[in-house]
Amino acid sequence: MHEHLVALEERMQRLRHAIRQALAQRETARTSNLHAELRRTQQAWEVLCGLSIPLPDLQPGPASPTDPHALGGPPLGD
């Protein structure tokens, strides 16, 4: 299990670096895709640690502004 945690942590670090580069180059689509991949990797890390239960695979790409659940947070109040 330790090797898998280390691999996920290294992947998260690489993704964060790639996100910073994409932000600096103003590549919004790439930034969004990388951020979605980072969220999936963080979820995998949490599941492996027993901190979370597996969730359905998150869709890559930008969140829809008309779908409050697409933002990844709790439902917004009316």
Protein backbone atom coordinates (compact mmCIF):
# COMPACT_ATOMS: atom_id res chain seq x y z
CA MET A 1 0.00 0.00 0.00
CA HIS A 2 2.85 2.40 0.81
CA GLU A 3 4.15 2.24 -2.76
CA HIS A 4 0.71 3.11 -4.13
CA LEU A 5 0.40 6.08 -1.76
CA VAL A 6 3.82 7.36 -2.78
CA ALA A 7 2.95 6.97 -6.47
CA LEU A 8 -0.31 8.89 -6.01
CA GLU A 9 1.45 11.63 -4.02
CA GLU A 10 4.08 11.99 -6.74
CA ARG A 11 1.34 12.15 -9.38
CA MET A 12 -0.46 14.87 -7.42
CA GLN A 13 2.78 16.85 -7.22
CA ARG A 14 3.35 16.55 -10.99
CA LEU A 15 -0.25 17.56 -11.68
CA ARG A 16 0.03 20.63 -9.44
CA HIS A 17 3.19 21.66 -11.29
CA ALA A 18 1.49 21.16 -14.65
CA ILE A 19 -1.50 23.21 -13.45
CA ARG A 20 0.81 26.08 -12.46
CA GLN A 21 2.45 25.96 -15.89
CA ALA A 22 -0.90 25.91 -17.67
CA LEU A 23 -2.11 28.84 -15.56
CA ALA A 24 1.02 30.83 -16.38
CA GLN A 25 0.45 30.17 -20.09
CA ARG A 26 -3.27 31.02 -19.76
CA GLU A 27 -4.31 27.62 -21.11
CA THR A 28 -7.73 27.45 -19.48
CA ALA A 29 -8.91 24.22 -21.11
CA ARG A 30 -5.70 22.42 -20.18
CA THR A 31 -5.86 23.85 -16.64
CA SER A 32 -9.41 22.59 -16.24
CA ASN A 33 -8.54 19.11 -17.50
CA LEU A 34 -5.48 18.89 -15.25
CA HIS A 35 -7.49 20.07 -12.25
CA ALA A 36 -10.11 17.37 -12.91
CA GLU A 37 -7.33 14.77 -13.06
CA LEU A 38 -5.89 16.12 -9.80
CA ARG A 39 -9.30 15.75 -8.12
CA ARG A 40 -9.56 12.14 -9.33
CA THR A 41 -6.04 11.41 -8.06
CA GLN A 42 -6.79 13.02 -4.69
CA GLN A 43 -9.96 10.93 -4.42
CA ALA A 44 -7.96 7.77 -5.15
CA TRP A 45 -5.46 8.74 -2.43
CA GLU A 46 -8.26 9.31 0.09
CA VAL A 47 -9.88 5.97 -0.78
CA LEU A 48 -6.56 4.16 -0.42
CA CYS A 49 -6.06 5.79 2.99
CA GLY A 50 -9.56 4.83 4.06
CA LEU A 51 -10.59 8.47 4.45
CA SER A 52 -13.29 8.33 1.79
CA ILE A 53 -15.47 5.91 -0.12
CA PRO A 54 -15.06 5.55 -3.87
CA LEU A 55 -17.15 8.02 -5.90
CA PRO A 56 -18.29 7.68 -9.50
CA ASP A 57 -15.65 8.81 -11.96
CA LEU A 58 -15.62 12.59 -12.34
CA GLN A 59 -16.09 13.84 -15.88
CA PRO A 60 -13.07 15.70 -17.30
CA GLY A 61 -13.49 19.23 -18.53
CA PRO A 62 -14.99 22.42 -17.18
CA ALA A 63 -17.99 22.35 -14.89
CA SER A 64 -21.28 23.45 -16.33
CA PRO A 65 -22.37 26.79 -14.85
CA THR A 66 -26.00 25.62 -15.00
CA ASP A 67 -25.38 22.47 -12.97
CA PRO A 68 -24.70 23.32 -9.28
CA HIS A 69 -23.52 19.77 -8.61
CA ALA A 70 -20.86 20.02 -11.34
CA LEU A 71 -18.80 22.35 -9.17
CA GLY A 72 -18.00 19.52 -6.78
CA GLY A 73 -19.39 21.23 -3.69
CA PRO A 74 -22.57 20.73 -1.71
CA PRO A 75 -25.83 21.78 -3.35
CA LEU A 76 -26.38 25.52 -3.20
CA GLY A 77 -29.39 26.85 -1.33
CA ASP A 78 -32.22 28.57 -3.16
